[in-house]
Amino acid sequence: MYREIARLILYRDLGEDSILRKLSGIFEDFDQGRGTPAELTTRIYEQMKALLDLSTQYGFDQNLWHNYLTFVLLTNENSFSMTSEKVGANDGTVNHFAKGDFAVFKKLFDFDFTPIEKALGIDCFTTILNYRSIQKKERMYNKNVSEKVQMVSGQLEQAADEEEIFRIVTDFYAAYGVGMFGLNRAFRIRHLEDGVEFLPINNTERVVLDDLIGYEIQKKKLIDNTEAFIKELPCNNVLLCGDAGTGKSTSIKALLNEYYEQGLRMIEIYKHQFRDLSSIIAQVKNRNYRFIIYMDDLSFEEFEIEYKYLKAVIEGGMETKPDNVLIYATSNRRHLIKETWNDRDDMEVDNGMHRSDTMQEKLSLVARFGVTIYYGKPSPKEYFTIVKELRKRYPSITCSDEELCAEANKWELSHGGISGRTAQQFINYMAGRDA
């Protein structure tokens, strides 16, 4: 194993703590007679635990060794994989080195663990080659990654040689990309001293736009702008504003499920992270994806100045926002920033600045969202329509429409008033009660 891994060129950067690199060191010591059987067994078991932990995180099954090797191939960002992400398979000298690395992975796929298992009296490798995982709920693992890794793993198992592996892997890169951006739909960020770290969101909500009842005009405007973005046509940043519980956040989450296959990715950030916007954009501007930076429930109090960072990034800074990045935000405030009557009084303030100038500076943030979509509270008739449509998804609710609407009316009076969210909460209650 270690001799094969030493021959890697493009995929050489595995990380010193990678399972593959660690196993390589163990197998080298075994062949060279270094270490006692007990010591080697302990080191192998440590890597088995790491492999099982990774497999649990991503829901791998059947042949965990093949799943792991496939995961390495699909997540390793190097000059070849990054280029293939943009243009797919192409003619070039680099293909010679890529196929050499794929020949190594072919040997790793077919590696015979029998000698070391017999020598050490263990069977852990045989076990992971024929593994049956415990069925888990989707929220317990990253299903999106699991499905793709296992799909490609099955294809690579059947590959005859490095030429076929080359085709399978480059086809995947062209379709989905490479690394965490290729496999995952959405991300949060963590601030670092020298930039930001992207953290995949393992389980995004499986909602689609048809799940949101009503608001057809609003959804159409959002779809038109997003499709223009996907097709690299002129488009705008979007602000979804209006009453609470009307489906603003749901609409944006649904876009991710509708357009993920076409290269859409989403980065969720919070107000206190606006200082990192430039670092976020710097890391994604050259990738072959379309990124929506998503800001939920955006609003600012009088004393907060984070909106200045957002204004500079959207429009006004020296560096132009890249074409593959848009900002979508939701807010219950139409103007985002709290106004007071003092803001409307044009008397001088202590620093010699007119209050109207201060208000205009605040309101200019909204103007930098080229599209503003308003989600209003539904009428009582629309509320009952939503309730009746949602009820169709739960066969256990068997009462008549009249009884349902009467109960829905009682519910909204004591649960925050009329909204789509209130309707969904009511239906959840009814489905749980009548199940």
Protein backbone atom coordinates (compact mmCIF):
# COMPACT_ATOMS: atom_id res chain seq x y z
CA MET A 1 0.00 0.00 0.00
CA TYR A 2 2.68 2.53 0.97
CA ARG A 3 4.58 1.90 -2.27
CA GLU A 4 1.45 2.70 -4.26
CA ILE A 5 0.60 5.84 -2.29
CA ALA A 6 4.18 7.08 -2.74
CA ARG A 7 3.55 7.09 -6.50
CA LEU A 8 0.67 9.58 -6.29
CA ILE A 9 1.33 12.96 -7.91
CA LEU A 10 -1.82 15.04 -8.33
CA TYR A 11 -3.65 13.39 -5.43
CA ARG A 12 -0.58 13.34 -3.21
CA ASP A 13 -1.83 15.94 -0.73
CA LEU A 14 -3.89 13.66 1.49
CA GLY A 15 -3.02 15.29 4.80
CA GLU A 16 -0.72 13.69 7.33
CA ASP A 17 -3.65 12.68 9.52
CA SER A 18 -5.67 11.10 6.72
CA ILE A 19 -6.77 7.50 7.21
CA LEU A 20 -5.07 6.48 3.97
CA ARG A 21 -1.76 8.06 4.96
CA LYS A 22 -1.90 6.50 8.44
CA LEU A 23 -2.71 3.03 7.09
CA SER A 24 0.14 3.39 4.63
CA GLY A 25 2.56 3.98 7.50
CA ILE A 26 1.23 0.97 9.38
CA PHE A 27 1.60 -1.31 6.36
CA GLU A 28 5.15 -0.07 5.77
CA ASP A 29 6.09 -0.85 9.37
CA PHE A 30 4.46 -4.28 9.04
CA ASP A 31 6.47 -5.10 5.90
CA GLN A 32 9.70 -3.82 7.45
CA GLY A 33 9.18 -5.76 10.67
CA ARG A 34 8.84 -2.64 12.81
CA GLY A 35 6.51 -2.79 15.81
CA THR A 36 5.02 -5.67 17.71
CA PRO A 37 1.79 -7.34 16.55
CA ALA A 38 -0.01 -5.74 19.50
CA GLU A 39 1.25 -2.26 18.57
CA LEU A 40 0.34 -2.68 14.90
CA THR A 41 -3.10 -4.00 15.81
CA THR A 42 -3.74 -1.03 18.08
CA ARG A 43 -2.77 1.41 15.33
CA ILE A 44 -4.99 -0.38 12.82
CA TYR A 45 -7.95 -0.29 15.20
CA GLU A 46 -7.45 3.46 15.65
CA GLN A 47 -7.83 3.94 11.90
CA MET A 48 -10.78 1.57 11.82
CA LYS A 49 -12.50 3.77 14.37
CA ALA A 50 -11.73 6.86 12.28
CA LEU A 51 -13.13 5.13 9.20
CA LEU A 52 -16.26 4.02 11.04
CA ASP A 53 -16.77 7.54 12.42
CA LEU A 54 -16.49 9.00 8.90
CA SER A 55 -18.82 6.34 7.53
CA THR A 56 -21.40 7.09 10.21
CA GLN A 57 -21.17 10.83 9.50
CA TYR A 58 -21.88 10.29 5.81
CA GLY A 59 -24.03 7.16 5.95
CA PHE A 60 -21.63 4.91 4.00
CA ASP A 61 -22.66 1.28 3.57
CA GLN A 62 -21.60 -2.11 2.13
CA ASN A 63 -17.93 -1.57 1.22
CA LEU A 64 -16.60 1.15 3.52
CA TRP A 65 -13.08 0.90 2.05
CA HIS A 66 -14.35 1.66 -1.45
CA ASN A 67 -16.62 4.40 -0.11
CA TYR A 68 -13.67 6.00 1.63
CA LEU A 69 -11.38 5.89 -1.43
CA THR A 70 -14.18 7.39 -3.54
CA PHE A 71 -14.68 10.12 -0.93
CA VAL A 72 -10.97 10.97 -1.21
CA LEU A 73 -11.20 11.20 -5.01
CA LEU A 74 -14.30 13.39 -4.94
CA THR A 75 -13.06 15.81 -2.28
CA ASN A 76 -9.38 16.22 -3.18
CA GLU A 77 -8.89 19.72 -4.59
CA ASN A 78 -5.86 19.79 -6.88
CA SER A 79 -4.91 21.37 -10.19
CA PHE A 80 -6.48 18.56 -12.21
CA SER A 81 -9.75 18.22 -10.27
CA MET A 82 -10.28 21.99 -10.11
CA THR A 83 -9.77 22.35 -13.86
CA SER A 84 -12.08 19.41 -14.56
CA GLU A 85 -14.71 21.13 -12.43
CA LYS A 86 -14.79 23.98 -14.94
CA VAL A 87 -14.27 22.27 -18.30
CA GLY A 88 -14.73 18.54 -17.66
CA ALA A 89 -12.42 16.03 -19.34
CA ASN A 90 -10.09 17.74 -21.77
CA ASP A 91 -6.97 16.95 -23.73
CA GLY A 92 -3.75 17.84 -21.97
CA THR A 93 -0.51 16.42 -20.64
CA VAL A 94 -1.92 16.55 -17.10
CA ASN A 95 -4.20 13.63 -18.05
CA HIS A 96 -1.12 11.38 -18.12
CA PHE A 97 -0.45 12.11 -14.45
CA ALA A 98 -4.13 11.86 -13.54
CA LYS A 99 -4.42 8.40 -15.10
CA GLY A 100 -1.27 7.36 -13.28
CA ASP A 101 -2.90 8.34 -10.00
CA PHE A 102 -6.13 6.57 -10.97
CA ALA A 103 -4.10 3.42 -11.64
CA VAL A 104 -2.89 3.69 -8.04
CA PHE A 105 -6.45 4.03 -6.78
CA LYS A 106 -7.45 1.02 -8.88
CA LYS A 107 -4.85 -1.04 -7.02
CA LEU A 108 -6.06 0.36 -3.70
CA PHE A 109 -9.63 -0.62 -4.62
CA ASP A 110 -8.44 -4.18 -5.27
CA PHE A 111 -5.99 -4.32 -2.35
CA ASP A 112 -5.67 -7.69 -0.62
CA PHE A 113 -5.76 -7.31 3.17
CA THR A 114 -5.53 -11.08 3.79
CA PRO A 115 -1.78 -11.29 4.62
CA ILE A 116 -1.84 -8.66 7.38
CA GLU A 117 -5.11 -10.03 8.81
CA LYS A 118 -3.69 -13.56 9.03
CA ALA A 119 -0.40 -12.34 10.53
CA LEU A 120 -2.12 -10.26 13.22
CA GLY A 121 -5.15 -12.49 13.78
CA ILE A 122 -7.68 -9.74 12.96
CA ASP A 123 -10.68 -9.53 10.64
CA CYS A 124 -11.54 -5.82 10.68
CA PHE A 125 -10.64 -5.25 6.99
CA THR A 126 -12.80 -8.17 5.85
CA THR A 127 -15.64 -6.75 7.98
CA ILE A 128 -15.56 -3.25 6.47
CA LEU A 129 -15.51 -4.70 2.94
CA ASN A 130 -18.90 -6.30 3.64
CA TYR A 131 -20.51 -3.83 6.00
CA ARG A 132 -24.18 -3.42 6.80
CA SER A 133 -24.88 -0.08 8.42
CA ILE A 134 -27.68 0.61 10.89
CA GLN A 135 -30.50 2.48 9.19
CA LYS A 136 -30.52 6.09 10.38
CA LYS A 137 -32.85 9.04 9.99
CA GLU A 138 -31.73 11.53 7.34
CA ARG A 139 -31.03 14.21 9.94
CA MET A 140 -28.37 12.00 11.51
CA TYR A 141 -26.03 12.02 8.52
CA ASN A 142 -25.25 13.91 5.32
CA LYS A 143 -27.55 12.08 2.91
CA ASN A 144 -26.63 14.24 -0.09
CA VAL A 145 -22.95 13.31 0.20
CA SER A 146 -23.75 9.68 1.04
CA GLU A 147 -25.84 9.13 -2.08
CA LYS A 148 -23.26 10.57 -4.44
CA VAL A 149 -20.25 8.84 -2.89
CA GLN A 150 -21.97 5.45 -2.91
CA MET A 151 -23.17 5.96 -6.48
CA VAL A 152 -19.64 6.72 -7.75
CA SER A 153 -18.16 4.01 -5.52
CA GLY A 154 -20.36 1.42 -7.23
CA GLN A 155 -19.22 2.66 -10.65
CA LEU A 156 -15.54 2.55 -9.68
CA GLU A 157 -15.90 -1.00 -8.36
CA GLN A 158 -16.90 -2.06 -11.86
CA ALA A 159 -14.20 -0.02 -13.63
CA ALA A 160 -11.80 -2.19 -15.63
CA ASP A 161 -8.81 0.18 -15.57
CA GLU A 162 -7.57 3.74 -15.05
CA GLU A 163 -9.09 4.88 -18.35
CA GLU A 164 -12.56 4.02 -17.13
CA ILE A 165 -11.88 5.58 -13.72
CA PHE A 166 -10.72 8.73 -15.53
CA ARG A 167 -14.05 8.96 -17.37
CA ILE A 168 -16.17 8.31 -14.26
CA VAL A 169 -14.34 10.81 -12.06
CA THR A 170 -14.09 13.62 -14.64
CA ASP A 171 -17.79 13.19 -15.49
CA PHE A 172 -18.58 13.66 -11.82
CA TYR A 173 -16.34 16.72 -11.53
CA ALA A 174 -18.02 18.31 -14.55
CA ALA A 175 -21.52 17.59 -13.22
CA TYR A 176 -21.07 18.41 -9.53
CA GLY A 177 -17.59 19.81 -8.98
CA VAL A 178 -14.96 18.79 -6.47
CA GLY A 179 -14.46 19.09 -2.73
CA MET A 180 -17.02 20.30 -0.24
CA PHE A 181 -18.63 22.67 -2.75
CA GLY A 182 -19.20 19.76 -5.13
CA LEU A 183 -20.84 17.45 -2.61
CA ASN A 184 -22.70 19.83 -0.29
CA ARG A 185 -25.58 22.19 -0.91
CA ALA A 186 -25.25 24.78 1.82
CA PHE A 187 -22.65 26.16 4.22
CA ARG A 188 -22.11 28.23 7.32
CA ILE A 189 -18.84 29.99 8.04
CA ARG A 190 -16.42 30.16 10.95
CA HIS A 191 -14.14 33.14 11.42
CA LEU A 192 -10.41 32.38 11.41
CA GLU A 193 -7.45 34.63 12.02
CA ASP A 194 -6.47 34.48 8.34
CA GLY A 195 -9.91 34.28 6.74
CA VAL A 196 -12.95 32.01 7.04
CA GLU A 197 -13.68 28.30 7.14
CA PHE A 198 -16.71 26.86 5.34
CA LEU A 199 -18.76 24.36 7.37
CA PRO A 200 -21.18 22.17 5.38
CA ILE A 201 -24.78 22.11 6.56
CA ASN A 202 -25.47 18.39 6.63
CA ASN A 203 -29.24 18.36 6.28
CA THR A 204 -30.97 21.16 4.46
CA GLU A 205 -34.75 21.37 4.51
CA ARG A 206 -36.31 19.31 1.68
CA VAL A 207 -38.80 21.99 0.71
CA VAL A 208 -39.70 23.00 -2.86
CA LEU A 209 -41.51 26.10 -4.08
CA ASP A 210 -44.75 24.19 -4.69
CA ASP A 211 -44.86 23.48 -0.95
CA LEU A 212 -45.48 27.19 -0.36
CA ILE A 213 -49.18 27.72 -1.06
CA GLY A 214 -50.08 31.02 -2.70
CA TYR A 215 -47.65 33.91 -3.32
CA GLU A 216 -47.42 32.98 -7.00
CA ILE A 217 -46.36 36.46 -8.14
CA GLN A 218 -43.63 36.60 -5.49
CA LYS A 219 -42.34 33.13 -6.37
CA LYS A 220 -42.32 33.99 -10.07
CA LYS A 221 -40.15 37.10 -9.50
CA LEU A 222 -37.76 35.06 -7.35
CA ILE A 223 -37.56 32.23 -9.90
CA ASP A 224 -36.97 34.62 -12.81
CA ASN A 225 -34.08 36.34 -11.04
CA THR A 226 -32.53 33.06 -9.86
CA GLU A 227 -32.75 31.43 -13.27
CA ALA A 228 -31.09 34.45 -14.85
CA PHE A 229 -28.32 34.07 -12.26
CA ILE A 230 -27.90 30.36 -13.03
CA LYS A 231 -27.74 31.10 -16.77
CA GLU A 232 -25.13 33.85 -16.20
CA LEU A 233 -27.52 36.55 -17.39
CA PRO A 234 -27.97 39.99 -15.76
CA CYS A 235 -29.67 39.66 -12.37
CA ASN A 236 -30.04 41.41 -9.02
CA ASN A 237 -29.56 40.98 -5.32
CA VAL A 238 -32.94 40.27 -3.72
CA LEU A 239 -34.64 41.43 -0.53
CA LEU A 240 -37.71 39.49 0.60
CA CYS A 241 -39.58 41.59 3.14
CA GLY A 242 -42.96 41.50 4.80
CA ASP A 243 -44.92 39.94 7.61
CA ALA A 244 -43.55 37.17 9.78
CA GLY A 245 -44.41 33.59 8.88
CA THR A 246 -45.35 34.28 5.28
CA GLY A 247 -42.76 32.04 3.59
CA LYS A 248 -39.83 34.34 2.86
CA SER A 249 -37.17 32.01 4.25
CA THR A 250 -38.97 28.94 2.87
CA SER A 251 -38.84 30.43 -0.64
CA ILE A 252 -35.07 30.87 -0.51
CA LYS A 253 -34.48 27.41 0.95
CA ALA A 254 -36.63 25.94 -1.81
CA LEU A 255 -34.42 27.55 -4.48
CA LEU A 256 -31.50 25.46 -3.26
CA ASN A 257 -33.40 22.22 -3.83
CA GLU A 258 -34.71 23.39 -7.20
CA TYR A 259 -31.36 24.50 -8.63
CA TYR A 260 -28.65 22.53 -6.82
CA GLU A 261 -28.18 20.23 -9.79
CA GLN A 262 -27.52 23.30 -11.94
CA GLY A 263 -24.67 24.47 -9.72
CA LEU A 264 -26.44 26.62 -7.14
CA ARG A 265 -24.91 26.69 -3.65
CA MET A 266 -25.90 28.70 -0.59
CA ILE A 267 -23.83 30.30 2.17
CA GLU A 268 -25.75 31.35 5.28
CA ILE A 269 -24.24 34.18 7.28
CA TYR A 270 -25.32 36.23 10.26
CA LYS A 271 -25.09 39.91 11.02
CA HIS A 272 -22.02 39.64 13.23
CA GLN A 273 -20.17 37.94 10.34
CA PHE A 274 -20.52 40.75 7.81
CA ARG A 275 -16.89 41.71 8.36
CA ASP A 276 -16.00 38.36 6.77
CA LEU A 277 -17.93 39.02 3.55
CA SER A 278 -14.82 39.99 1.61
CA SER A 279 -13.03 36.81 2.72
CA ILE A 280 -16.04 34.68 1.77
CA ILE A 281 -16.22 36.19 -1.70
CA ALA A 282 -12.46 35.85 -2.21
CA GLN A 283 -12.71 32.08 -1.64
CA VAL A 284 -15.66 31.43 -3.94
CA LYS A 285 -15.22 33.90 -6.81
CA ASN A 286 -13.13 31.53 -8.95
CA ARG A 287 -15.22 28.41 -8.38
CA ASN A 288 -17.54 26.97 -11.01
CA TYR A 289 -20.71 27.41 -8.96
CA ARG A 290 -23.33 30.10 -8.46
CA PHE A 291 -23.35 31.19 -4.80
CA ILE A 292 -26.23 32.86 -3.00
CA ILE A 293 -25.12 34.49 0.24
CA TYR A 294 -28.24 34.10 2.38
CA MET A 295 -29.07 36.46 5.25
CA ASP A 296 -32.18 35.52 7.21
CA ASP A 297 -34.23 37.95 9.29
CA LEU A 298 -31.98 40.88 8.45
CA SER A 299 -32.49 44.07 10.45
CA PHE A 300 -30.40 46.64 12.28
CA GLU A 301 -30.94 48.72 15.36
CA GLU A 302 -29.96 52.39 15.46
CA PHE A 303 -26.63 51.73 17.16
CA GLU A 304 -25.53 48.90 14.84
CA ILE A 305 -23.14 49.71 12.00
CA GLU A 306 -22.66 46.26 10.42
CA TYR A 307 -24.87 47.39 7.52
CA LYS A 308 -21.94 49.50 6.29
CA TYR A 309 -19.95 46.31 5.51
CA LEU A 310 -22.91 44.94 3.58
CA LYS A 311 -23.33 48.15 1.59
CA ALA A 312 -19.68 48.14 0.58
CA VAL A 313 -19.83 44.55 -0.65
CA ILE A 314 -23.10 44.87 -2.53
CA GLU A 315 -22.10 48.02 -4.32
CA GLY A 316 -19.65 50.78 -3.61
CA GLY A 317 -16.39 49.05 -2.70
CA MET A 318 -13.29 49.17 -4.86
CA GLU A 319 -13.53 45.48 -5.71
CA THR A 320 -16.41 44.46 -7.98
CA LYS A 321 -18.65 41.71 -6.64
CA PRO A 322 -18.01 38.61 -8.81
CA ASP A 323 -20.65 37.43 -11.26
CA ASN A 324 -21.08 34.09 -9.47
CA VAL A 325 -22.24 35.67 -6.19
CA LEU A 326 -25.63 37.17 -5.28
CA ILE A 327 -27.04 38.25 -1.94
CA TYR A 328 -30.56 37.19 -0.92
CA ALA A 329 -31.92 38.50 2.37
CA THR A 330 -35.20 38.25 4.27
CA SER A 331 -36.51 40.84 6.71
CA ASN A 332 -39.69 41.68 8.57
CA ARG A 333 -38.69 45.35 8.17
CA ARG A 334 -39.13 46.89 4.76
CA HIS A 335 -36.30 49.37 5.33
CA LEU A 336 -34.08 46.94 7.30
CA ILE A 337 -32.88 49.65 9.70
CA LYS A 338 -35.04 50.93 12.54
CA GLU A 339 -36.23 54.48 12.02
CA THR A 340 -37.32 56.93 14.70
CA TRP A 341 -39.14 60.21 14.46
CA ASN A 342 -35.86 61.88 15.33
CA ASP A 343 -34.44 60.54 12.07
CA ARG A 344 -37.11 62.56 10.24
CA ASP A 345 -36.29 65.78 12.10
CA ASP A 346 -33.71 67.63 10.03
CA MET A 347 -32.18 69.52 12.94
CA GLU A 348 -28.42 69.35 13.47
CA VAL A 349 -27.07 66.51 15.57
CA ASP A 350 -24.01 66.71 17.79
CA ASN A 351 -21.52 65.83 15.04
CA GLY A 352 -22.79 68.52 12.70
CA MET A 353 -24.58 66.11 10.38
CA HIS A 354 -28.22 66.52 9.36
CA ARG A 355 -30.47 63.75 10.64
CA SER A 356 -32.02 63.42 7.19
CA ASP A 357 -28.54 62.61 5.88
CA THR A 358 -28.24 59.88 8.49
CA MET A 359 -31.60 58.42 7.49
CA GLN A 360 -30.69 58.50 3.81
CA GLU A 361 -27.45 56.62 4.55
CA LYS A 362 -29.46 53.92 6.30
CA LEU A 363 -32.16 53.68 3.66
CA SER A 364 -29.60 53.49 0.85
CA LEU A 365 -28.90 49.89 1.90
CA VAL A 366 -32.35 48.80 0.69
CA ALA A 367 -31.79 50.56 -2.63
CA ARG A 368 -28.78 48.31 -3.27
CA PHE A 369 -31.05 45.29 -3.49
CA GLY A 370 -32.15 45.49 -7.10
CA VAL A 371 -35.27 43.38 -6.49
CA THR A 372 -37.55 43.79 -3.47
CA ILE A 373 -40.34 41.23 -3.09
CA TYR A 374 -43.10 41.83 -0.54
CA TYR A 375 -44.77 38.91 1.29
CA GLY A 376 -47.95 40.14 2.96
CA LYS A 377 -50.07 38.46 5.61
CA PRO A 378 -52.81 36.33 4.01
CA SER A 379 -56.45 37.30 4.27
CA PRO A 380 -58.76 35.04 6.33
CA LYS A 381 -59.96 33.43 3.10
CA GLU A 382 -56.39 32.81 1.94
CA TYR A 383 -55.50 31.45 5.38
CA PHE A 384 -58.30 28.87 5.19
CA THR A 385 -57.21 27.95 1.65
CA ILE A 386 -53.68 27.30 2.93
CA VAL A 387 -55.04 25.17 5.77
CA LYS A 388 -57.17 23.07 3.42
CA GLU A 389 -54.31 22.56 0.95
CA LEU A 390 -51.88 21.55 3.71
CA ARG A 391 -54.42 19.12 5.13
CA LYS A 392 -54.29 17.10 1.87
CA ARG A 393 -50.76 15.99 2.79
CA TYR A 394 -51.99 14.31 5.98
CA PRO A 395 -54.57 11.55 5.33
CA SER A 396 -55.02 11.07 9.08
CA ILE A 397 -56.97 14.37 9.29
CA THR A 398 -60.48 13.24 8.40
CA CYS A 399 -62.75 16.06 9.63
CA SER A 400 -64.81 18.14 7.20
CA ASP A 401 -63.56 21.39 5.70
CA GLU A 402 -66.04 23.33 7.85
CA GLU A 403 -64.81 21.70 11.06
CA LEU A 404 -61.19 22.15 9.96
CA CYS A 405 -61.62 25.87 9.28
CA ALA A 406 -63.45 26.39 12.57
CA GLU A 407 -60.58 24.76 14.45
CA ALA A 408 -58.03 26.72 12.39
CA ASN A 409 -59.79 29.94 13.34
CA LYS A 410 -59.58 29.07 17.05
CA TRP A 411 -55.93 28.14 16.63
CA GLU A 412 -54.79 31.40 15.01
CA LEU A 413 -56.55 33.49 17.68
CA SER A 414 -54.27 32.02 20.34
CA HIS A 415 -51.15 31.33 18.28
CA GLY A 416 -49.88 34.57 16.81
CA GLY A 417 -52.49 35.44 14.19
CA ILE A 418 -52.97 34.58 10.55
CA SER A 419 -49.92 33.41 8.54
CA GLY A 420 -48.67 30.47 6.54
CA ARG A 421 -46.54 29.43 9.48
CA THR A 422 -49.56 29.42 11.80
CA ALA A 423 -51.43 27.27 9.26
CA GLN A 424 -48.58 24.74 9.12
CA GLN A 425 -48.31 24.62 12.92
CA PHE A 426 -52.06 24.04 13.16
CA ILE A 427 -51.95 21.20 10.62
CA ASN A 428 -48.99 19.65 12.47
CA TYR A 429 -51.08 19.73 15.64
CA MET A 430 -54.07 18.15 13.93
CA ALA A 431 -51.99 15.44 12.24
CA GLY A 432 -50.34 14.54 15.55
CA ARG A 433 -53.66 14.53 17.40
CA ASP A 434 -55.54 12.43 14.86
CA ALA A 435 -52.74 9.97 14.01
